[in-house]
């Protein structure tokens, strides 16, 4: 059974700038995760990013919805990673905030 984790990050960038920064930041995320043997697949449809991260024989799926004033991330953790949900939520929030604050 999967455990959903939801993180909402407010911003004052507007939808287009927030989306641009997230698109730019995905390359950095992909490079960081490849260092631990993970593969990342992502696809944008309008203001929604759908992604899959495969690591340690587990796949983490998620969605990022970009709004005018906030970004909402929803990640489905496999049951083996569900016990780390709190730690993963903090990491997602920090990384998302960092991606939005860098121009």
PDB file of N, CA and C in Angstrom:
ATOM      1  N   UNK A   1       0.845  -1.178   0.000  1.00  0.00           N
ATOM      2  CA  UNK A   1       0.000   0.000   0.000  1.00  0.00           C
ATOM      3  C   UNK A   1       0.895   1.247   0.000  1.00  0.00           C
ATOM      4  N   UNK A   2       0.531   2.217  -0.789  1.00  0.00           N
ATOM      5  CA  UNK A   2       1.316   3.451  -0.894  1.00  0.00           C
ATOM      6  C   UNK A   2       0.831   4.485   0.109  1.00  0.00           C
ATOM      7  N   UNK A   3       1.761   5.322   0.564  1.00  0.00           N
ATOM      8  CA  UNK A   3       1.420   6.388   1.502  1.00  0.00           C
ATOM      9  C   UNK A   3       1.612   7.721   0.790  1.00  0.00           C
ATOM     10  N   UNK A   4       0.538   8.502   0.629  1.00  0.00           N
ATOM     11  CA  UNK A   4       0.688   9.806  -0.025  1.00  0.00           C
ATOM     12  C   UNK A   4       1.270  10.841   0.937  1.00  0.00           C
ATOM     13  N   UNK A   5       2.171  11.637   0.427  1.00  0.00           N
ATOM     14  CA  UNK A   5       2.767  12.749   1.164  1.00  0.00           C
ATOM     15  C   UNK A   5       2.455  14.003   0.360  1.00  0.00           C
ATOM     16  N   UNK A   6       1.913  15.018   1.026  1.00  0.00           N
ATOM     17  CA  UNK A   6       1.553  16.261   0.343  1.00  0.00           C
ATOM     18  C   UNK A   6       2.328  17.412   0.972  1.00  0.00           C
ATOM     19  N   UNK A   7       2.954  18.212   0.130  1.00  0.00           N
ATOM     20  CA  UNK A   7       3.699  19.392   0.569  1.00  0.00           C
ATOM     21  C   UNK A   7       3.208  20.573  -0.259  1.00  0.00           C
ATOM     22  N   UNK A   8       2.850  21.657   0.415  1.00  0.00           N
ATOM     23  CA  UNK A   8       2.439  22.884  -0.269  1.00  0.00           C
ATOM     24  C   UNK A   8       3.465  23.963   0.045  1.00  0.00           C
ATOM     25  N   UNK A   9       3.976  24.595  -0.998  1.00  0.00           N
ATOM     26  CA  UNK A   9       4.992  25.639  -0.842  1.00  0.00           C
ATOM     27  C   UNK A   9       4.440  26.935  -1.428  1.00  0.00           C
ATOM     28  N   UNK A  10       4.213  27.937  -0.572  1.00  0.00           N
ATOM     29  CA  UNK A  10       3.731  29.220  -1.091  1.00  0.00           C
ATOM     30  C   UNK A  10       4.853  29.965  -1.827  1.00  0.00           C
ATOM     31  N   UNK A  11       4.474  30.783  -2.774  1.00  0.00           N
ATOM     32  CA  UNK A  11       5.452  31.610  -3.492  1.00  0.00           C
ATOM     33  C   UNK A  11       4.758  32.880  -3.978  1.00  0.00           C
ATOM     34  N   UNK A  12       5.561  33.842  -4.409  1.00  0.00           N
ATOM     35  CA  UNK A  12       5.041  35.097  -4.952  1.00  0.00           C
ATOM     36  C   UNK A  12       5.605  35.339  -6.347  1.00  0.00           C
ATOM     37  N   UNK A  13       5.852  34.265  -7.064  1.00  0.00           N
ATOM     38  CA  UNK A  13       6.521  34.357  -8.360  1.00  0.00           C
ATOM     39  C   UNK A  13       5.568  34.451  -9.540  1.00  0.00           C
ATOM     40  N   UNK A  14       4.344  34.055  -9.349  1.00  0.00           N
ATOM     41  CA  UNK A  14       3.442  33.879 -10.476  1.00  0.00           C
ATOM     42  C   UNK A  14       3.642  32.488 -11.053  1.00  0.00           C
ATOM     43  N   UNK A  15       2.639  32.007 -11.735  1.00  0.00           N
ATOM     44  CA  UNK A  15       2.633  30.628 -12.248  1.00  0.00           C
ATOM     45  C   UNK A  15       3.768  30.357 -13.240  1.00  0.00           C
ATOM     46  N   UNK A  16       3.958  31.248 -14.206  1.00  0.00           N
ATOM     47  CA  UNK A  16       4.953  31.002 -15.252  1.00  0.00           C
ATOM     48  C   UNK A  16       6.375  30.968 -14.708  1.00  0.00           C
ATOM     49  N   UNK A  17       6.720  31.917 -13.835  1.00  0.00           N
ATOM     50  CA  UNK A  17       8.076  31.948 -13.278  1.00  0.00           C
ATOM     51  C   UNK A  17       8.313  30.754 -12.360  1.00  0.00           C
ATOM     52  N   UNK A  18       7.323  30.384 -11.572  1.00  0.00           N
ATOM     53  CA  UNK A  18       7.467  29.216 -10.696  1.00  0.00           C
ATOM     54  C   UNK A  18       7.694  27.957 -11.539  1.00  0.00           C
ATOM     55  N   UNK A  19       6.930  27.804 -12.609  1.00  0.00           N
ATOM     56  CA  UNK A  19       7.095  26.640 -13.488  1.00  0.00           C
ATOM     57  C   UNK A  19       8.487  26.648 -14.119  1.00  0.00           C
ATOM     58  N   UNK A  20       8.946  27.803 -14.572  1.00  0.00           N
ATOM     59  CA  UNK A  20      10.279  27.896 -15.183  1.00  0.00           C
ATOM     60  C   UNK A  20      11.363  27.471 -14.200  1.00  0.00           C
ATOM     61  N   UNK A  21      11.266  27.950 -12.970  1.00  0.00           N
ATOM     62  CA  UNK A  21      12.279  27.606 -11.968  1.00  0.00           C
ATOM     63  C   UNK A  21      12.253  26.116 -11.628  1.00  0.00           C
ATOM     64  N   UNK A  22      11.070  25.546 -11.562  1.00  0.00           N
ATOM     65  CA  UNK A  22      10.980  24.110 -11.292  1.00  0.00           C
ATOM     66  C   UNK A  22      11.535  23.298 -12.460  1.00  0.00           C
ATOM     67  N   UNK A  23      11.249  23.730 -13.683  1.00  0.00           N
ATOM     68  CA  UNK A  23      11.794  23.035 -14.855  1.00  0.00           C
ATOM     69  C   UNK A  23      13.319  23.091 -14.838  1.00  0.00           C
ATOM     70  N   UNK A  24      13.870  24.260 -14.544  1.00  0.00           N
ATOM     71  CA  UNK A  24      15.323  24.408 -14.475  1.00  0.00           C
ATOM     72  C   UNK A  24      15.911  23.554 -13.356  1.00  0.00           C
ATOM     73  N   UNK A  25      15.230  23.503 -12.229  1.00  0.00           N
ATOM     74  CA  UNK A  25      15.729  22.762 -11.069  1.00  0.00           C
ATOM     75  C   UNK A  25      15.681  21.255 -11.225  1.00  0.00           C
ATOM     76  N   UNK A  26      14.829  20.751 -12.108  1.00  0.00           N
ATOM     77  CA  UNK A  26      14.725  19.298 -12.279  1.00  0.00           C
ATOM     78  C   UNK A  26      16.028  18.690 -12.789  1.00  0.00           C
ATOM     79  N   UNK A  27      16.780  19.421 -13.579  1.00  0.00           N
ATOM     80  CA  UNK A  27      18.075  18.919 -14.042  1.00  0.00           C
ATOM     81  C   UNK A  27      19.024  18.694 -12.881  1.00  0.00           C
ATOM     82  N   UNK A  28      19.019  19.606 -11.931  1.00  0.00           N
ATOM     83  CA  UNK A  28      19.872  19.473 -10.753  1.00  0.00           C
ATOM     84  C   UNK A  28      19.419  18.296  -9.886  1.00  0.00           C
ATOM     85  N   UNK A  29      18.119  18.150  -9.717  1.00  0.00           N
ATOM     86  CA  UNK A  29      17.587  17.030  -8.937  1.00  0.00           C
ATOM     87  C   UNK A  29      17.981  15.708  -9.595  1.00  0.00           C
ATOM     88  N   UNK A  30      17.826  15.636 -10.908  1.00  0.00           N
ATOM     89  CA  UNK A  30      18.173  14.421 -11.645  1.00  0.00           C
ATOM     90  C   UNK A  30      19.647  14.075 -11.440  1.00  0.00           C
ATOM     91  N   UNK A  31      20.503  15.076 -11.499  1.00  0.00           N
ATOM     92  CA  UNK A  31      21.933  14.842 -11.325  1.00  0.00           C
ATOM     93  C   UNK A  31      22.262  14.404  -9.897  1.00  0.00           C
ATOM     94  N   UNK A  32      21.628  15.005  -8.892  1.00  0.00           N
ATOM     95  CA  UNK A  32      21.848  14.594  -7.496  1.00  0.00           C
ATOM     96  C   UNK A  32      21.414  13.152  -7.279  1.00  0.00           C
ATOM     97  N   UNK A  33      20.252  12.801  -7.803  1.00  0.00           N
ATOM     98  CA  UNK A  33      19.726  11.453  -7.588  1.00  0.00           C
ATOM     99  C   UNK A  33      20.492  10.397  -8.377  1.00  0.00           C
ATOM    100  N   UNK A  34      21.058  10.775  -9.514  1.00  0.00           N
ATOM    101  CA  UNK A  34      21.836   9.793 -10.271  1.00  0.00           C
ATOM    102  C   UNK A  34      23.082   9.390  -9.491  1.00  0.00           C
ATOM    103  N   UNK A  35      23.541  10.255  -8.596  1.00  0.00           N
ATOM    104  CA  UNK A  35      24.688   9.946  -7.751  1.00  0.00           C
ATOM    105  C   UNK A  35      24.430   8.812  -6.774  1.00  0.00           C
ATOM    106  N   UNK A  36      23.165   8.528  -6.495  1.00  0.00           N
ATOM    107  CA  UNK A  36      22.815   7.418  -5.601  1.00  0.00           C
ATOM    108  C   UNK A  36      22.167   6.275  -6.388  1.00  0.00           C
ATOM    109  N   UNK A  37      22.331   6.296  -7.694  1.00  0.00           N
ATOM    110  CA  UNK A  37      21.832   5.211  -8.529  1.00  0.00           C
ATOM    111  C   UNK A  37      20.359   5.289  -8.873  1.00  0.00           C
ATOM    112  N   UNK A  38      19.754   6.444  -8.707  1.00  0.00           N
ATOM    113  CA  UNK A  38      18.330   6.604  -9.016  1.00  0.00           C
ATOM    114  C   UNK A  38      18.153   7.083 -10.450  1.00  0.00           C
ATOM    115  N   UNK A  39      17.034   6.717 -11.039  1.00  0.00           N
ATOM    116  CA  UNK A  39      16.663   7.253 -12.343  1.00  0.00           C
ATOM    117  C   UNK A  39      15.393   8.079 -12.178  1.00  0.00           C
ATOM    118  N   UNK A  40      15.314   9.163 -12.925  1.00  0.00           N
ATOM    119  CA  UNK A  40      14.181  10.079 -12.825  1.00  0.00           C
ATOM    120  C   UNK A  40      13.564  10.241 -14.208  1.00  0.00           C
ATOM    121  N   UNK A  41      12.261  10.072 -14.280  1.00  0.00           N
ATOM    122  CA  UNK A  41      11.506  10.367 -15.497  1.00  0.00           C
ATOM    123  C   UNK A  41      10.492  11.436 -15.141  1.00  0.00           C
ATOM    124  N   UNK A  42      10.421  12.480 -15.946  1.00  0.00           N
ATOM    125  CA  UNK A  42       9.440  13.529 -15.674  1.00  0.00           C
ATOM    126  C   UNK A  42       8.806  13.996 -16.973  1.00  0.00           C
ATOM    127  N   UNK A  43       7.561  14.436 -16.858  1.00  0.00           N
ATOM    128  CA  UNK A  43       6.839  14.956 -18.015  1.00  0.00           C
ATOM    129  C   UNK A  43       5.895  16.064 -17.566  1.00  0.00           C
ATOM    130  N   UNK A  44       5.941  17.147 -18.318  1.00  0.00           N
ATOM    131  CA  UNK A  44       5.094  18.304 -18.040  1.00  0.00           C
ATOM    132  C   UNK A  44       3.868  18.277 -18.942  1.00  0.00           C
ATOM    133  N   UNK A  45       2.717  18.571 -18.372  1.00  0.00           N
ATOM    134  CA  UNK A  45       1.482  18.806 -19.109  1.00  0.00           C
ATOM    135  C   UNK A  45       0.887  20.079 -18.535  1.00  0.00           C
ATOM    136  N   UNK A  46       0.952  21.149 -19.307  1.00  0.00           N
ATOM    137  CA  UNK A  46       0.506  22.465 -18.841  1.00  0.00           C
ATOM    138  C   UNK A  46       1.247  22.820 -17.550  1.00  0.00           C
ATOM    139  N   UNK A  47       0.525  22.992 -16.447  1.00  0.00           N
ATOM    140  CA  UNK A  47       1.146  23.390 -15.180  1.00  0.00           C
ATOM    141  C   UNK A  47       1.302  22.220 -14.216  1.00  0.00           C
ATOM    142  N   UNK A  48       1.329  21.011 -14.743  1.00  0.00           N
ATOM    143  CA  UNK A  48       1.485  19.821 -13.898  1.00  0.00           C
ATOM    144  C   UNK A  48       2.702  19.019 -14.351  1.00  0.00           C
ATOM    145  N   UNK A  49       3.543  18.707 -13.389  1.00  0.00           N
ATOM    146  CA  UNK A  49       4.692  17.839 -13.611  1.00  0.00           C
ATOM    147  C   UNK A  49       4.371  16.490 -12.983  1.00  0.00           C
ATOM    148  N   UNK A  50       4.438  15.437 -13.765  1.00  0.00           N
ATOM    149  CA  UNK A  50       4.311  14.079 -13.239  1.00  0.00           C
ATOM    150  C   UNK A  50       5.705  13.465 -13.286  1.00  0.00           C
ATOM    151  N   UNK A  51       6.080  12.747 -12.231  1.00  0.00           N
ATOM    152  CA  UNK A  51       7.419  12.175 -12.199  1.00  0.00           C
ATOM    153  C   UNK A  51       7.424  10.803 -11.544  1.00  0.00           C
ATOM    154  N   UNK A  52       8.455  10.040 -11.893  1.00  0.00           N
ATOM    155  CA  UNK A  52       8.727   8.742 -11.288  1.00  0.00           C
ATOM    156  C   UNK A  52      10.214   8.699 -10.976  1.00  0.00           C
ATOM    157  N   UNK A  53      10.541   8.300  -9.758  1.00  0.00           N
ATOM    158  CA  UNK A  53      11.925   8.131  -9.338  1.00  0.00           C
ATOM    159  C   UNK A  53      12.094   6.668  -8.952  1.00  0.00           C
ATOM    160  N   UNK A  54      13.027   5.976  -9.595  1.00  0.00           N
ATOM    161  CA  UNK A  54      13.303   4.575  -9.274  1.00  0.00           C
ATOM    162  C   UNK A  54      14.642   4.499  -8.554  1.00  0.00           C
ATOM    163  N   UNK A  55      14.612   3.930  -7.346  1.00  0.00           N
ATOM    164  CA  UNK A  55      15.826   3.783  -6.543  1.00  0.00           C
ATOM    165  C   UNK A  55      15.652   2.574  -5.625  1.00  0.00           C
ATOM    166  N   UNK A  56      16.703   1.799  -5.481  1.00  0.00           N
ATOM    167  CA  UNK A  56      16.700   0.630  -4.592  1.00  0.00           C
ATOM    168  C   UNK A  56      15.492  -0.276  -4.838  1.00  0.00           C
ATOM    169  N   UNK A  57      15.209  -0.560  -6.084  1.00  0.00           N
ATOM    170  CA  UNK A  57      14.097  -1.434  -6.483  1.00  0.00           C
ATOM    171  C   UNK A  57      12.733  -0.912  -6.044  1.00  0.00           C
ATOM    172  N   UNK A  58      12.643   0.376  -5.765  1.00  0.00           N
ATOM    173  CA  UNK A  58      11.384   1.017  -5.390  1.00  0.00           C
ATOM    174  C   UNK A  58      11.118   2.157  -6.368  1.00  0.00           C
ATOM    175  N   UNK A  59       9.850   2.393  -6.676  1.00  0.00           N
ATOM    176  CA  UNK A  59       9.486   3.519  -7.531  1.00  0.00           C
ATOM    177  C   UNK A  59       8.607   4.477  -6.747  1.00  0.00           C
ATOM    178  N   UNK A  60       9.020   5.727  -6.741  1.00  0.00           N
ATOM    179  CA  UNK A  60       8.270   6.801  -6.096  1.00  0.00           C
ATOM    180  C   UNK A  60       7.645   7.626  -7.211  1.00  0.00           C
ATOM    181  N   UNK A  61       6.329   7.743  -7.186  1.00  0.00           N
ATOM    182  CA  UNK A  61       5.616   8.527  -8.197  1.00  0.00           C
ATOM    183  C   UNK A  61       5.070   9.784  -7.551  1.00  0.00           C
ATOM    184  N   UNK A  62       4.922  10.828  -8.341  1.00  0.00           N
ATOM    185  CA  UNK A  62       4.374  12.048  -7.778  1.00  0.00           C
ATOM    186  C   UNK A  62       3.923  13.030  -8.827  1.00  0.00           C
ATOM    187  N   UNK A  63       3.304  14.079  -8.322  1.00  0.00           N
ATOM    188  CA  UNK A  63       2.807  15.152  -9.158  1.00  0.00           C
ATOM    189  C   UNK A  63       3.134  16.486  -8.500  1.00  0.00           C
ATOM    190  N   UNK A  64       3.397  17.465  -9.335  1.00  0.00           N
ATOM    191  CA  UNK A  64       3.613  18.832  -8.873  1.00  0.00           C
ATOM    192  C   UNK A  64       2.642  19.710  -9.652  1.00  0.00           C
ATOM    193  N   UNK A  65       1.779  20.408  -8.937  1.00  0.00           N
ATOM    194  CA  UNK A  65       0.842  21.341  -9.563  1.00  0.00           C
ATOM    195  C   UNK A  65       1.298  22.757  -9.246  1.00  0.00           C
ATOM    196  N   UNK A  66       1.541  23.537 -10.297  1.00  0.00           N
ATOM    197  CA  UNK A  66       2.029  24.902 -10.139  1.00  0.00           C
ATOM    198  C   UNK A  66       0.847  25.855 -10.212  1.00  0.00           C
ATOM    199  N   UNK A  67       0.663  26.624  -9.147  1.00  0.00           N
ATOM    200  CA  UNK A  67      -0.397  27.618  -9.101  1.00  0.00           C
ATOM    201  C   UNK A  67       0.177  29.022  -9.077  1.00  0.00           C
ATOM    202  N   UNK A  68      -0.693  30.007  -9.100  1.00  0.00           N
ATOM    203  CA  UNK A  68      -0.254  31.402  -9.083  1.00  0.00           C
ATOM    204  C   UNK A  68       0.478  31.759  -7.795  1.00  0.00           C
ATOM    205  N   UNK A  69       0.056  31.180  -6.659  1.00  0.00           N
ATOM    206  CA  UNK A  69       0.602  31.556  -5.351  1.00  0.00           C
ATOM    207  C   UNK A  69       1.224  30.400  -4.587  1.00  0.00           C
ATOM    208  N   UNK A  70       1.117  29.180  -5.108  1.00  0.00           N
ATOM    209  CA  UNK A  70       1.676  28.031  -4.394  1.00  0.00           C
ATOM    210  C   UNK A  70       1.975  26.896  -5.360  1.00  0.00           C
ATOM    211  N   UNK A  71       2.850  26.028  -4.894  1.00  0.00           N
ATOM    212  CA  UNK A  71       3.164  24.797  -5.600  1.00  0.00           C
ATOM    213  C   UNK A  71       2.744  23.666  -4.674  1.00  0.00           C
ATOM    214  N   UNK A  72       2.002  22.711  -5.217  1.00  0.00           N
ATOM    215  CA  UNK A  72       1.536  21.574  -4.415  1.00  0.00           C
ATOM    216  C   UNK A  72       2.192  20.314  -4.956  1.00  0.00           C
ATOM    217  N   UNK A  73       2.947  19.643  -4.082  1.00  0.00           N
ATOM    218  CA  UNK A  73       3.605  18.397  -4.447  1.00  0.00           C
ATOM    219  C   UNK A  73       2.894  17.253  -3.750  1.00  0.00           C
ATOM    220  N   UNK A  74       2.588  16.228  -4.496  1.00  0.00           N
ATOM    221  CA  UNK A  74       1.995  15.025  -3.920  1.00  0.00           C
ATOM    222  C   UNK A  74       2.849  13.845  -4.364  1.00  0.00           C
ATOM    223  N   UNK A  75       3.372  13.119  -3.383  1.00  0.00           N
ATOM    224  CA  UNK A  75       4.277  12.011  -3.648  1.00  0.00           C
ATOM    225  C   UNK A  75       3.677  10.744  -3.060  1.00  0.00           C
ATOM    226  N   UNK A  76       3.668   9.674  -3.841  1.00  0.00           N
ATOM    227  CA  UNK A  76       3.175   8.382  -3.373  1.00  0.00           C
ATOM    228  C   UNK A  76       4.370   7.512  -3.003  1.00  0.00           C
ATOM    229  N   UNK A  77       4.550   7.293  -1.701  1.00  0.00           N
ATOM    230  CA  UNK A  77       5.672   6.491  -1.234  1.00  0.00           C
ATOM    231  C   UNK A  77       5.289   5.015  -1.183  1.00  0.00           C
ATOM    232  N   UNK A  78       6.153   4.134  -1.687  1.00  0.00           N
ATOM    233  CA  UNK A  78       5.912   2.703  -1.520  1.00  0.00           C
ATOM    234  C   UNK A  78       5.935   2.357  -0.031  1.00  0.00           C
ATOM    235  N   UNK A  79       5.268   1.289   0.337  1.00  0.00           N
ATOM    236  CA  UNK A  79       5.139   0.947   1.754  1.00  0.00           C
ATOM    237  C   UNK A  79       6.494   0.799   2.437  1.00  0.00           C
ATOM    238  N   UNK A  80       7.524   0.353   1.710  1.00  0.00           N
ATOM    239  CA  UNK A  80       8.845   0.189   2.333  1.00  0.00           C
ATOM    240  C   UNK A  80       9.462   1.534   2.728  1.00  0.00           C
ATOM    241  N   UNK A  81       9.065   2.597   2.070  1.00  0.00           N
ATOM    242  CA  UNK A  81       9.603   3.922   2.387  1.00  0.00           C
ATOM    243  C   UNK A  81       8.648   4.749   3.241  1.00  0.00           C
ATOM    244  N   UNK A  82       7.452   4.240   3.492  1.00  0.00           N
ATOM    245  CA  UNK A  82       6.439   4.997   4.237  1.00  0.00           C
ATOM    246  C   UNK A  82       6.914   5.368   5.632  1.00  0.00           C
ATOM    247  N   UNK A  83       7.753   4.525   6.251  1.00  0.00           N
ATOM    248  CA  UNK A  83       8.240   4.840   7.596  1.00  0.00           C
ATOM    249  C   UNK A  83       9.161   6.060   7.598  1.00  0.00           C
ATOM    250  N   UNK A  84       9.643   6.444   6.438  1.00  0.00           N
ATOM    251  CA  UNK A  84      10.511   7.619   6.320  1.00  0.00           C
ATOM    252  C   UNK A  84       9.746   8.846   5.836  1.00  0.00           C
ATOM    253  N   UNK A  85       8.421   8.779   5.868  1.00  0.00           N
ATOM    254  CA  UNK A  85       7.585   9.840   5.292  1.00  0.00           C
ATOM    255  C   UNK A  85       7.907  11.213   5.862  1.00  0.00           C
ATOM    256  N   UNK A  86       8.086  11.314   7.175  1.00  0.00           N
ATOM    257  CA  UNK A  86       8.344  12.624   7.780  1.00  0.00           C
ATOM    258  C   UNK A  86       9.668  13.203   7.293  1.00  0.00           C
ATOM    259  N   UNK A  87      10.691  12.384   7.259  1.00  0.00           N
ATOM    260  CA  UNK A  87      12.002  12.839   6.794  1.00  0.00           C
ATOM    261  C   UNK A  87      11.945  13.219   5.311  1.00  0.00           C
ATOM    262  N   UNK A  88      11.260  12.401   4.519  1.00  0.00           N
ATOM    263  CA  UNK A  88      11.137  12.668   3.084  1.00  0.00           C
ATOM    264  C   UNK A  88      10.339  13.941   2.840  1.00  0.00           C
ATOM    265  N   UNK A  89       9.277  14.160   3.633  1.00  0.00           N
ATOM    266  CA  UNK A  89       8.470  15.377   3.500  1.00  0.00           C
ATOM    267  C   UNK A  89       9.329  16.615   3.728  1.00  0.00           C
ATOM    268  N   UNK A  90      10.167  16.592   4.762  1.00  0.00           N
ATOM    269  CA  UNK A  90      11.057  17.717   5.042  1.00  0.00           C
ATOM    270  C   UNK A  90      12.033  17.964   3.911  1.00  0.00           C
ATOM    271  N   UNK A  91      12.589  16.900   3.370  1.00  0.00           N
ATOM    272  CA  UNK A  91      13.545  17.021   2.263  1.00  0.00           C
ATOM    273  C   UNK A  91      12.865  17.597   1.018  1.00  0.00           C
ATOM    274  N   UNK A  92      11.654  17.124   0.731  1.00  0.00           N
ATOM    275  CA  UNK A  92      10.906  17.631  -0.426  1.00  0.00           C
ATOM    276  C   UNK A  92      10.611  19.117  -0.253  1.00  0.00           C
ATOM    277  N   UNK A  93      10.178  19.507   0.937  1.00  0.00           N
ATOM    278  CA  UNK A  93       9.855  20.916   1.197  1.00  0.00           C
ATOM    279  C   UNK A  93      11.094  21.794   1.043  1.00  0.00           C
ATOM    280  N   UNK A  94      12.226  21.349   1.585  1.00  0.00           N
ATOM    281  CA  UNK A  94      13.467  22.136   1.471  1.00  0.00           C
ATOM    282  C   UNK A  94      13.917  22.259   0.017  1.00  0.00           C
ATOM    283  N   UNK A  95      13.910  21.132  -0.702  1.00  0.00           N
ATOM    284  CA  UNK A  95      14.358  21.151  -2.097  1.00  0.00           C
ATOM    285  C   UNK A  95      13.422  21.991  -2.963  1.00  0.00           C
ATOM    286  N   UNK A  96      12.115  21.855  -2.755  1.00  0.00           N
ATOM    287  CA  UNK A  96      11.148  22.643  -3.523  1.00  0.00           C
ATOM    288  C   UNK A  96      11.294  24.127  -3.270  1.00  0.00           C
ATOM    289  N   UNK A  97      11.471  24.494  -2.007  1.00  0.00           N
ATOM    290  CA  UNK A  97      11.665  25.905  -1.658  1.00  0.00           C
ATOM    291  C   UNK A  97      12.950  26.433  -2.284  1.00  0.00           C
ATOM    292  N   UNK A  98      14.007  25.642  -2.234  1.00  0.00           N
ATOM    293  CA  UNK A  98      15.281  26.045  -2.829  1.00  0.00           C
ATOM    294  C   UNK A  98      15.138  26.261  -4.336  1.00  0.00           C
ATOM    295  N   UNK A  99      14.427  25.367  -5.008  1.00  0.00           N
ATOM    296  CA  UNK A  99      14.233  25.507  -6.455  1.00  0.00           C
ATOM    297  C   UNK A  99      13.453  26.778  -6.791  1.00  0.00           C
ATOM    298  N   UNK A 100      12.493  27.138  -5.942  1.00  0.00           N
ATOM    299  CA  UNK A 100      11.679  28.328  -6.212  1.00  0.00           C
ATOM    300  C   UNK A 100      12.405  29.627  -5.869  1.00  0.00           C
ATOM    301  N   UNK A 101      13.342  29.582  -4.933  1.00  0.00           N
ATOM    302  CA  UNK A 101      14.015  30.820  -4.540  1.00  0.00           C
ATOM    303  C   UNK A 101      15.210  31.142  -5.427  1.00  0.00           C
ATOM    304  N   UNK A 102      15.755  30.148  -6.116  1.00  0.00           N
ATOM    305  CA  UNK A 102      16.866  30.416  -7.037  1.00  0.00           C
ATOM    306  C   UNK A 102      16.303  30.914  -8.358  1.00  0.00           C
ATOM    307  N   UNK A 103      16.920  31.943  -8.901  1.00  0.00           N
ATOM    308  CA  UNK A 103      16.430  32.462 -10.189  1.00  0.00           C
ATOM    309  C   UNK A 103      17.173  31.867 -11.347  1.00  0.00           C
TER     310      UNK A 103
END
